[in-house]
Amino acid sequence: MSNNYWDSKGNDYTKQLGSQSGIVEAGGLRQFLMQTYTWMTLGLAITGLLAVLTANSPAMTQFIFGTRFVFFGLILAELGMVIAFGVALRKGASAGTLLAMFLAYSALNGITLSAILLFYTYESIAQTFFIAAGMFGGMSLYGYVTKRDLSGVGHFARMGLWGLIIAIVVNLFVGSSILSLGISVIGVGVFVILTAYDTQKLKLYYQHYAHDEEGLKKISLGGALTLYLDFINLFLFLLRLLGNRR
């Protein structure tokens, strides 16, 4: 899930959209965004590779999914790594440290996401991935080009995200198929909005750190993780709607 931890000083610069002075140099912004999406793509590639390797290893699948303790332990470890990344970014960790944490998280996430390769057909996974990529790309482009301040809908989507988390936990005990369908539909909507919102925030953070090369590297990695999470969650909610089970 997305986290507002990009600013190492803990300030929410999204409230200042449109009030920054100066003109953002277009070439520098494009280079910054290209770097961010490159890190994001690398993270997705590592996740995909580890998912395939894990799903095709009987020993690994038995170890991870043989007991709930191991699988849910890995999920909690992932959550801890995201929180640790945010803390490290706020406390001024080096770009190299942040990169190592991001790649380690991408690898661990690939191990846990190997479950979808066991539960869904490869064809439906591939189709859903391309649909998610198209939606993500379109909303990210919208967030980049729009002149509209998306902070309002972005904060609304974040509140919706907390509601989703509560609904998911409740449905673990209720097991309602109707509630599950509603969660998936709302989840797609939430992460579609967050994709545009987080992309627009990247532009704003570039304005703030435009003359701080080291700061830009760190913010680029923070943005890569946030967009990575947006894409993964969008993909998973779509897969629950469109995927064909084995």
C-alpha atoms as a PDB file:
ATOM      1  CA  MET A   1       0.000   0.000   0.000  1.00  0.00           C
ATOM      2  CA  SER A   2       1.117   3.544  -0.618  1.00  0.00           C
ATOM      3  CA  ASN A   3       2.852   5.561   2.050  1.00  0.00           C
ATOM      4  CA  ASN A   4       3.469   9.289   2.307  1.00  0.00           C
ATOM      5  CA  TYR A   5       7.094   9.055   3.425  1.00  0.00           C
ATOM      6  CA  TRP A   6       8.976  10.612   0.536  1.00  0.00           C
ATOM      7  CA  ASP A   7       9.945  13.826   2.315  1.00  0.00           C
ATOM      8  CA  SER A   8      12.824  13.184   4.705  1.00  0.00           C
ATOM      9  CA  LYS A   9      11.657  16.103   6.861  1.00  0.00           C
ATOM     10  CA  GLY A  10       8.169  14.691   7.197  1.00  0.00           C
ATOM     11  CA  ASN A  11       6.427  17.613   5.488  1.00  0.00           C
ATOM     12  CA  ASP A  12       3.422  17.111   3.192  1.00  0.00           C
ATOM     13  CA  TYR A  13       4.300  19.255   0.201  1.00  0.00           C
ATOM     14  CA  THR A  14       1.205  18.104  -1.661  1.00  0.00           C
ATOM     15  CA  LYS A  15      -0.642  20.957   0.041  1.00  0.00           C
ATOM     16  CA  GLN A  16       1.639  23.401  -1.735  1.00  0.00           C
ATOM     17  CA  LEU A  17       0.757  22.294  -5.271  1.00  0.00           C
ATOM     18  CA  GLY A  18       0.806  25.278  -7.552  1.00  0.00           C
ATOM     19  CA  SER A  19       2.470  27.557  -4.984  1.00  0.00           C
ATOM     20  CA  GLN A  20       6.085  26.636  -5.701  1.00  0.00           C
ATOM     21  CA  SER A  21       8.121  29.401  -7.286  1.00  0.00           C
ATOM     22  CA  GLY A  22      10.327  28.926 -10.291  1.00  0.00           C
ATOM     23  CA  ILE A  23      10.004  26.855 -13.430  1.00  0.00           C
ATOM     24  CA  VAL A  24      10.716  23.146 -13.387  1.00  0.00           C
ATOM     25  CA  GLU A  25      13.279  22.246 -15.997  1.00  0.00           C
ATOM     26  CA  ALA A  26      11.468  19.773 -18.233  1.00  0.00           C
ATOM     27  CA  GLY A  27      14.519  17.725 -19.146  1.00  0.00           C
ATOM     28  CA  GLY A  28      15.530  17.279 -15.528  1.00  0.00           C
ATOM     29  CA  LEU A  29      12.014  16.245 -14.560  1.00  0.00           C
ATOM     30  CA  ARG A  30      11.850  13.673 -17.340  1.00  0.00           C
ATOM     31  CA  GLN A  31      15.214  12.247 -16.289  1.00  0.00           C
ATOM     32  CA  PHE A  32      14.055  12.061 -12.668  1.00  0.00           C
ATOM     33  CA  LEU A  33      10.832  10.273 -13.623  1.00  0.00           C
ATOM     34  CA  MET A  34      12.668   7.930 -15.974  1.00  0.00           C
ATOM     35  CA  GLN A  35      14.992   6.957 -13.142  1.00  0.00           C
ATOM     36  CA  THR A  36      12.029   6.393 -10.827  1.00  0.00           C
ATOM     37  CA  TYR A  37      10.192   4.173 -13.308  1.00  0.00           C
ATOM     38  CA  THR A  38      13.411   2.304 -14.057  1.00  0.00           C
ATOM     39  CA  TRP A  39      13.783   1.381 -10.377  1.00  0.00           C
ATOM     40  CA  MET A  40      10.124   0.432 -10.240  1.00  0.00           C
ATOM     41  CA  THR A  41      10.460  -1.794 -13.316  1.00  0.00           C
ATOM     42  CA  LEU A  42      13.564  -3.446 -11.870  1.00  0.00           C
ATOM     43  CA  GLY A  43      11.638  -4.177  -8.688  1.00  0.00           C
ATOM     44  CA  LEU A  44       8.771  -5.723 -10.667  1.00  0.00           C
ATOM     45  CA  ALA A  45      11.220  -7.831 -12.678  1.00  0.00           C
ATOM     46  CA  ILE A  46      12.825  -9.188  -9.510  1.00  0.00           C
ATOM     47  CA  THR A  47       9.402  -9.899  -8.038  1.00  0.00           C
ATOM     48  CA  GLY A  48       8.318 -11.778 -11.150  1.00  0.00           C
ATOM     49  CA  LEU A  49      11.531 -13.801 -11.327  1.00  0.00           C
ATOM     50  CA  LEU A  50      11.379 -14.847  -7.666  1.00  0.00           C
ATOM     51  CA  ALA A  51       7.687 -15.707  -7.997  1.00  0.00           C
ATOM     52  CA  VAL A  52       8.368 -18.053 -10.928  1.00  0.00           C
ATOM     53  CA  LEU A  53      11.402 -19.665  -9.272  1.00  0.00           C
ATOM     54  CA  THR A  54       9.518 -20.210  -6.025  1.00  0.00           C
ATOM     55  CA  ALA A  55       6.380 -21.596  -7.694  1.00  0.00           C
ATOM     56  CA  ASN A  56       8.500 -24.105  -9.617  1.00  0.00           C
ATOM     57  CA  SER A  57      10.347 -25.330  -6.540  1.00  0.00           C
ATOM     58  CA  PRO A  58       8.351 -28.017  -4.665  1.00  0.00           C
ATOM     59  CA  ALA A  59      10.610 -27.643  -1.632  1.00  0.00           C
ATOM     60  CA  MET A  60      10.050 -23.884  -1.448  1.00  0.00           C
ATOM     61  CA  THR A  61       6.292 -24.097  -1.961  1.00  0.00           C
ATOM     62  CA  GLN A  62       6.012 -26.772   0.710  1.00  0.00           C
ATOM     63  CA  PHE A  63       8.079 -24.697   3.139  1.00  0.00           C
ATOM     64  CA  ILE A  64       6.151 -21.454   2.520  1.00  0.00           C
ATOM     65  CA  PHE A  65       2.618 -22.725   2.079  1.00  0.00           C
ATOM     66  CA  GLY A  66       2.823 -25.930   4.097  1.00  0.00           C
ATOM     67  CA  THR A  67       1.892 -24.013   7.234  1.00  0.00           C
ATOM     68  CA  ARG A  68       0.142 -20.692   7.691  1.00  0.00           C
ATOM     69  CA  PHE A  69       2.767 -19.633  10.208  1.00  0.00           C
ATOM     70  CA  VAL A  70       5.523 -19.298   7.605  1.00  0.00           C
ATOM     71  CA  PHE A  71       3.390 -17.575   4.964  1.00  0.00           C
ATOM     72  CA  PHE A  72       1.860 -15.018   7.313  1.00  0.00           C
ATOM     73  CA  GLY A  73       5.253 -14.518   8.908  1.00  0.00           C
ATOM     74  CA  LEU A  74       6.610 -13.492   5.505  1.00  0.00           C
ATOM     75  CA  ILE A  75       3.649 -11.125   5.001  1.00  0.00           C
ATOM     76  CA  LEU A  76       4.414  -9.451   8.332  1.00  0.00           C
ATOM     77  CA  ALA A  77       8.074  -9.256   7.349  1.00  0.00           C
ATOM     78  CA  GLU A  78       7.087  -7.438   4.150  1.00  0.00           C
ATOM     79  CA  LEU A  79       5.046  -4.925   6.122  1.00  0.00           C
ATOM     80  CA  GLY A  80       7.979  -4.403   8.450  1.00  0.00           C
ATOM     81  CA  MET A  81      10.319  -3.800   5.513  1.00  0.00           C
ATOM     82  CA  VAL A  82       8.042  -1.105   4.049  1.00  0.00           C
ATOM     83  CA  ILE A  83       7.872   0.624   7.434  1.00  0.00           C
ATOM     84  CA  ALA A  84      11.643   0.312   7.842  1.00  0.00           C
ATOM     85  CA  PHE A  85      12.161   1.853   4.397  1.00  0.00           C
ATOM     86  CA  GLY A  86      10.070   4.858   5.377  1.00  0.00           C
ATOM     87  CA  VAL A  87      11.962   5.277   8.648  1.00  0.00           C
ATOM     88  CA  ALA A  88      15.321   4.981   6.868  1.00  0.00           C
ATOM     89  CA  LEU A  89      14.286   7.580   4.294  1.00  0.00           C
ATOM     90  CA  ARG A  90      13.135  10.046   6.946  1.00  0.00           C
ATOM     91  CA  LYS A  91      16.321   9.565   8.947  1.00  0.00           C
ATOM     92  CA  GLY A  92      18.547  10.315   5.968  1.00  0.00           C
ATOM     93  CA  ALA A  93      19.817   6.855   4.982  1.00  0.00           C
ATOM     94  CA  SER A  94      22.027   6.765   1.909  1.00  0.00           C
ATOM     95  CA  ALA A  95      20.614   6.100  -1.538  1.00  0.00           C
ATOM     96  CA  GLY A  96      22.574   2.837  -1.657  1.00  0.00           C
ATOM     97  CA  THR A  97      20.941   1.611   1.552  1.00  0.00           C
ATOM     98  CA  LEU A  98      17.489   2.549   0.295  1.00  0.00           C
ATOM     99  CA  LEU A  99      18.126   0.758  -3.002  1.00  0.00           C
ATOM    100  CA  ALA A 100      19.212  -2.409  -1.182  1.00  0.00           C
ATOM    101  CA  MET A 101      16.067  -2.282   0.975  1.00  0.00           C
ATOM    102  CA  PHE A 102      13.836  -1.777  -2.055  1.00  0.00           C
ATOM    103  CA  LEU A 103      15.372  -4.679  -3.960  1.00  0.00           C
ATOM    104  CA  ALA A 104      15.217  -6.940  -0.899  1.00  0.00           C
ATOM    105  CA  TYR A 105      11.535  -6.111  -0.472  1.00  0.00           C
ATOM    106  CA  SER A 106      10.885  -6.798  -4.167  1.00  0.00           C
ATOM    107  CA  ALA A 107      12.515 -10.221  -3.812  1.00  0.00           C
ATOM    108  CA  LEU A 108      10.566 -11.145  -0.676  1.00  0.00           C
ATOM    109  CA  ASN A 109       7.333  -9.995  -2.284  1.00  0.00           C
ATOM    110  CA  GLY A 110       8.067 -12.236  -5.250  1.00  0.00           C
ATOM    111  CA  ILE A 111       8.356 -15.222  -2.921  1.00  0.00           C
ATOM    112  CA  THR A 112       4.956 -14.584  -1.349  1.00  0.00           C
ATOM    113  CA  LEU A 113       3.308 -13.690  -4.669  1.00  0.00           C
ATOM    114  CA  SER A 114       4.315 -17.089  -6.038  1.00  0.00           C
ATOM    115  CA  ALA A 115       0.965 -18.151  -4.554  1.00  0.00           C
ATOM    116  CA  ILE A 116      -0.914 -16.567  -7.458  1.00  0.00           C
ATOM    117  CA  LEU A 117       0.999 -18.784  -9.901  1.00  0.00           C
ATOM    118  CA  LEU A 118      -0.324 -21.787  -8.016  1.00  0.00           C
ATOM    119  CA  PHE A 119      -3.935 -20.586  -7.808  1.00  0.00           C
ATOM    120  CA  TYR A 120      -4.488 -18.859 -11.180  1.00  0.00           C
ATOM    121  CA  THR A 121      -3.808 -19.933 -14.749  1.00  0.00           C
ATOM    122  CA  TYR A 122      -0.753 -18.436 -16.409  1.00  0.00           C
ATOM    123  CA  GLU A 123      -2.909 -17.100 -19.239  1.00  0.00           C
ATOM    124  CA  SER A 124      -5.226 -15.147 -16.949  1.00  0.00           C
ATOM    125  CA  ILE A 125      -2.247 -13.820 -14.964  1.00  0.00           C
ATOM    126  CA  ALA A 126      -0.619 -12.553 -18.157  1.00  0.00           C
ATOM    127  CA  GLN A 127      -3.843 -10.989 -19.434  1.00  0.00           C
ATOM    128  CA  THR A 128      -4.511  -9.286 -16.113  1.00  0.00           C
ATOM    129  CA  PHE A 129      -0.926  -8.039 -15.929  1.00  0.00           C
ATOM    130  CA  PHE A 130      -1.227  -6.276 -19.286  1.00  0.00           C
ATOM    131  CA  ILE A 131      -4.607  -4.813 -18.333  1.00  0.00           C
ATOM    132  CA  ALA A 132      -3.127  -3.542 -15.069  1.00  0.00           C
ATOM    133  CA  ALA A 133      -0.116  -2.139 -16.929  1.00  0.00           C
ATOM    134  CA  GLY A 134      -2.392  -0.267 -19.326  1.00  0.00           C
ATOM    135  CA  MET A 135      -4.501   1.183 -16.524  1.00  0.00           C
ATOM    136  CA  PHE A 136      -1.442   2.088 -14.482  1.00  0.00           C
ATOM    137  CA  GLY A 137       0.267   3.718 -17.457  1.00  0.00           C
ATOM    138  CA  GLY A 138      -2.816   5.709 -18.388  1.00  0.00           C
ATOM    139  CA  MET A 139      -3.425   7.018 -14.874  1.00  0.00           C
ATOM    140  CA  SER A 140       0.243   7.760 -14.330  1.00  0.00           C
ATOM    141  CA  LEU A 141       0.281   9.770 -17.554  1.00  0.00           C
ATOM    142  CA  TYR A 142      -2.829  11.604 -16.397  1.00  0.00           C
ATOM    143  CA  GLY A 143      -1.167  12.438 -13.100  1.00  0.00           C
ATOM    144  CA  TYR A 144       1.826  13.789 -15.012  1.00  0.00           C
ATOM    145  CA  VAL A 145      -0.005  16.005 -17.507  1.00  0.00           C
ATOM    146  CA  THR A 146      -3.059  17.193 -15.575  1.00  0.00           C
ATOM    147  CA  LYS A 147      -3.148  20.728 -14.183  1.00  0.00           C
ATOM    148  CA  ARG A 148      -5.770  19.731 -11.644  1.00  0.00           C
ATOM    149  CA  ASP A 149      -4.720  19.455  -8.001  1.00  0.00           C
ATOM    150  CA  LEU A 150      -5.253  15.782  -7.138  1.00  0.00           C
ATOM    151  CA  SER A 151      -4.478  16.129  -3.427  1.00  0.00           C
ATOM    152  CA  GLY A 152      -8.188  16.101  -2.511  1.00  0.00           C
ATOM    153  CA  VAL A 153      -9.053  12.859  -4.307  1.00  0.00           C
ATOM    154  CA  GLY A 154      -5.687  11.432  -3.248  1.00  0.00           C
ATOM    155  CA  HIS A 155      -6.418  11.908   0.437  1.00  0.00           C
ATOM    156  CA  PHE A 156      -9.918  10.504  -0.110  1.00  0.00           C
ATOM    157  CA  ALA A 157      -8.371   7.411  -1.733  1.00  0.00           C
ATOM    158  CA  ARG A 158      -6.031   6.993   1.232  1.00  0.00           C
ATOM    159  CA  MET A 159      -9.015   6.976   3.580  1.00  0.00           C
ATOM    160  CA  GLY A 160     -10.620   4.418   1.285  1.00  0.00           C
ATOM    161  CA  LEU A 161      -7.467   2.313   1.558  1.00  0.00           C
ATOM    162  CA  TRP A 162      -7.849   2.078   5.329  1.00  0.00           C
ATOM    163  CA  GLY A 163     -11.462   1.079   4.832  1.00  0.00           C
ATOM    164  CA  LEU A 164     -10.327  -1.641   2.433  1.00  0.00           C
ATOM    165  CA  ILE A 165      -7.878  -3.013   4.978  1.00  0.00           C
ATOM    166  CA  ILE A 166     -10.600  -3.218   7.618  1.00  0.00           C
ATOM    167  CA  ALA A 167     -12.996  -4.880   5.154  1.00  0.00           C
ATOM    168  CA  ILE A 168     -10.364  -7.441   4.153  1.00  0.00           C
ATOM    169  CA  VAL A 169      -9.701  -8.353   7.788  1.00  0.00           C
ATOM    170  CA  VAL A 170     -13.446  -8.659   8.485  1.00  0.00           C
ATOM    171  CA  ASN A 171     -13.926 -10.863   5.426  1.00  0.00           C
ATOM    172  CA  LEU A 172     -11.241 -13.241   6.666  1.00  0.00           C
ATOM    173  CA  PHE A 173     -13.737 -14.236   9.354  1.00  0.00           C
ATOM    174  CA  VAL A 174     -16.981 -13.732   7.416  1.00  0.00           C
ATOM    175  CA  GLY A 175     -15.930 -15.289   4.105  1.00  0.00           C
ATOM    176  CA  SER A 176     -18.548 -13.432   2.075  1.00  0.00           C
ATOM    177  CA  SER A 177     -18.194 -13.727  -1.700  1.00  0.00           C
ATOM    178  CA  ILE A 178     -20.269 -10.575  -2.193  1.00  0.00           C
ATOM    179  CA  LEU A 179     -18.059  -8.603   0.197  1.00  0.00           C
ATOM    180  CA  SER A 180     -14.996 -10.016  -1.553  1.00  0.00           C
ATOM    181  CA  LEU A 181     -16.313  -8.781  -4.905  1.00  0.00           C
ATOM    182  CA  GLY A 182     -17.002  -5.327  -3.472  1.00  0.00           C
ATOM    183  CA  ILE A 183     -13.517  -5.175  -1.950  1.00  0.00           C
ATOM    184  CA  SER A 184     -11.943  -6.001  -5.300  1.00  0.00           C
ATOM    185  CA  VAL A 185     -13.963  -3.394  -7.213  1.00  0.00           C
ATOM    186  CA  ILE A 186     -13.250  -0.670  -4.663  1.00  0.00           C
ATOM    187  CA  GLY A 187      -9.603  -1.737  -4.481  1.00  0.00           C
ATOM    188  CA  VAL A 188      -9.176  -1.206  -8.217  1.00  0.00           C
ATOM    189  CA  GLY A 189     -10.730   2.256  -7.931  1.00  0.00           C
ATOM    190  CA  VAL A 190      -8.559   3.236  -4.965  1.00  0.00           C
ATOM    191  CA  PHE A 191      -5.275   2.282  -6.606  1.00  0.00           C
ATOM    192  CA  VAL A 192      -6.232   3.806  -9.949  1.00  0.00           C
ATOM    193  CA  ILE A 193      -6.663   7.123  -8.137  1.00  0.00           C
ATOM    194  CA  LEU A 194      -3.511   6.675  -6.054  1.00  0.00           C
ATOM    195  CA  THR A 195      -1.466   6.021  -9.182  1.00  0.00           C
ATOM    196  CA  ALA A 196      -2.369   9.426 -10.617  1.00  0.00           C
ATOM    197  CA  TYR A 197      -2.009  11.131  -7.239  1.00  0.00           C
ATOM    198  CA  ASP A 198       1.408   9.640  -6.475  1.00  0.00           C
ATOM    199  CA  THR A 199       2.675  10.506  -9.952  1.00  0.00           C
ATOM    200  CA  GLN A 200       1.663  14.116  -9.456  1.00  0.00           C
ATOM    201  CA  LYS A 201       3.414  14.120  -6.082  1.00  0.00           C
ATOM    202  CA  LEU A 202       6.614  13.034  -7.802  1.00  0.00           C
ATOM    203  CA  LYS A 203       6.534  16.205  -9.891  1.00  0.00           C
ATOM    204  CA  LEU A 204       6.078  18.267  -6.759  1.00  0.00           C
ATOM    205  CA  TYR A 205       8.913  16.585  -4.912  1.00  0.00           C
ATOM    206  CA  TYR A 206      11.143  17.137  -7.922  1.00  0.00           C
ATOM    207  CA  GLN A 207      10.485  20.850  -7.603  1.00  0.00           C
ATOM    208  CA  HIS A 208      11.521  20.775  -3.957  1.00  0.00           C
ATOM    209  CA  TYR A 209      14.700  18.714  -4.473  1.00  0.00           C
ATOM    210  CA  ALA A 210      15.654  19.916  -7.963  1.00  0.00           C
ATOM    211  CA  HIS A 211      19.008  21.257  -6.781  1.00  0.00           C
ATOM    212  CA  ASP A 212      19.804  18.388  -4.391  1.00  0.00           C
ATOM    213  CA  GLU A 213      21.258  15.494  -6.377  1.00  0.00           C
ATOM    214  CA  GLU A 214      21.461  13.082  -3.430  1.00  0.00           C
ATOM    215  CA  GLY A 215      17.973  14.073  -2.302  1.00  0.00           C
ATOM    216  CA  LEU A 216      16.608  13.370  -5.780  1.00  0.00           C
ATOM    217  CA  LYS A 217      18.098   9.863  -5.728  1.00  0.00           C
ATOM    218  CA  LYS A 218      16.436   9.113  -2.415  1.00  0.00           C
ATOM    219  CA  ILE A 219      13.100  10.554  -3.448  1.00  0.00           C
ATOM    220  CA  SER A 220      13.325   8.627  -6.720  1.00  0.00           C
ATOM    221  CA  LEU A 221      13.667   5.372  -4.761  1.00  0.00           C
ATOM    222  CA  GLY A 222      10.828   6.347  -2.437  1.00  0.00           C
ATOM    223  CA  GLY A 223       8.676   7.113  -5.459  1.00  0.00           C
ATOM    224  CA  ALA A 224       9.673   3.823  -7.082  1.00  0.00           C
ATOM    225  CA  LEU A 225       8.517   1.856  -4.049  1.00  0.00           C
ATOM    226  CA  THR A 226       5.252   3.788  -3.817  1.00  0.00           C
ATOM    227  CA  LEU A 227       4.427   3.295  -7.510  1.00  0.00           C
ATOM    228  CA  TYR A 228       5.539  -0.336  -7.269  1.00  0.00           C
ATOM    229  CA  LEU A 229       3.017  -0.852  -4.460  1.00  0.00           C
ATOM    230  CA  ASP A 230       0.323   0.954  -6.428  1.00  0.00           C
ATOM    231  CA  PHE A 231       0.872  -1.317  -9.418  1.00  0.00           C
ATOM    232  CA  ILE A 232       1.099  -4.564  -7.440  1.00  0.00           C
ATOM    233  CA  ASN A 233      -2.105  -3.829  -5.531  1.00  0.00           C
ATOM    234  CA  LEU A 234      -3.937  -2.760  -8.684  1.00  0.00           C
ATOM    235  CA  PHE A 235      -2.826  -5.984 -10.376  1.00  0.00           C
ATOM    236  CA  LEU A 236      -3.892  -8.173  -7.445  1.00  0.00           C
ATOM    237  CA  PHE A 237      -7.350  -6.617  -7.136  1.00  0.00           C
ATOM    238  CA  LEU A 238      -7.865  -6.967 -10.890  1.00  0.00           C
ATOM    239  CA  LEU A 239      -6.714 -10.575 -10.712  1.00  0.00           C
ATOM    240  CA  ARG A 240      -9.360 -11.306  -8.084  1.00  0.00           C
ATOM    241  CA  LEU A 241     -11.948  -9.963 -10.529  1.00  0.00           C
ATOM    242  CA  LEU A 242     -10.638 -11.334 -13.823  1.00  0.00           C
ATOM    243  CA  GLY A 243      -8.390 -14.279 -12.982  1.00  0.00           C
ATOM    244  CA  ASN A 244      -9.300 -17.868 -13.777  1.00  0.00           C
ATOM    245  CA  ARG A 245      -8.477 -20.310 -11.000  1.00  0.00           C
ATOM    246  CA  ARG A 246      -6.730 -23.580 -11.764  1.00  0.00           C
END
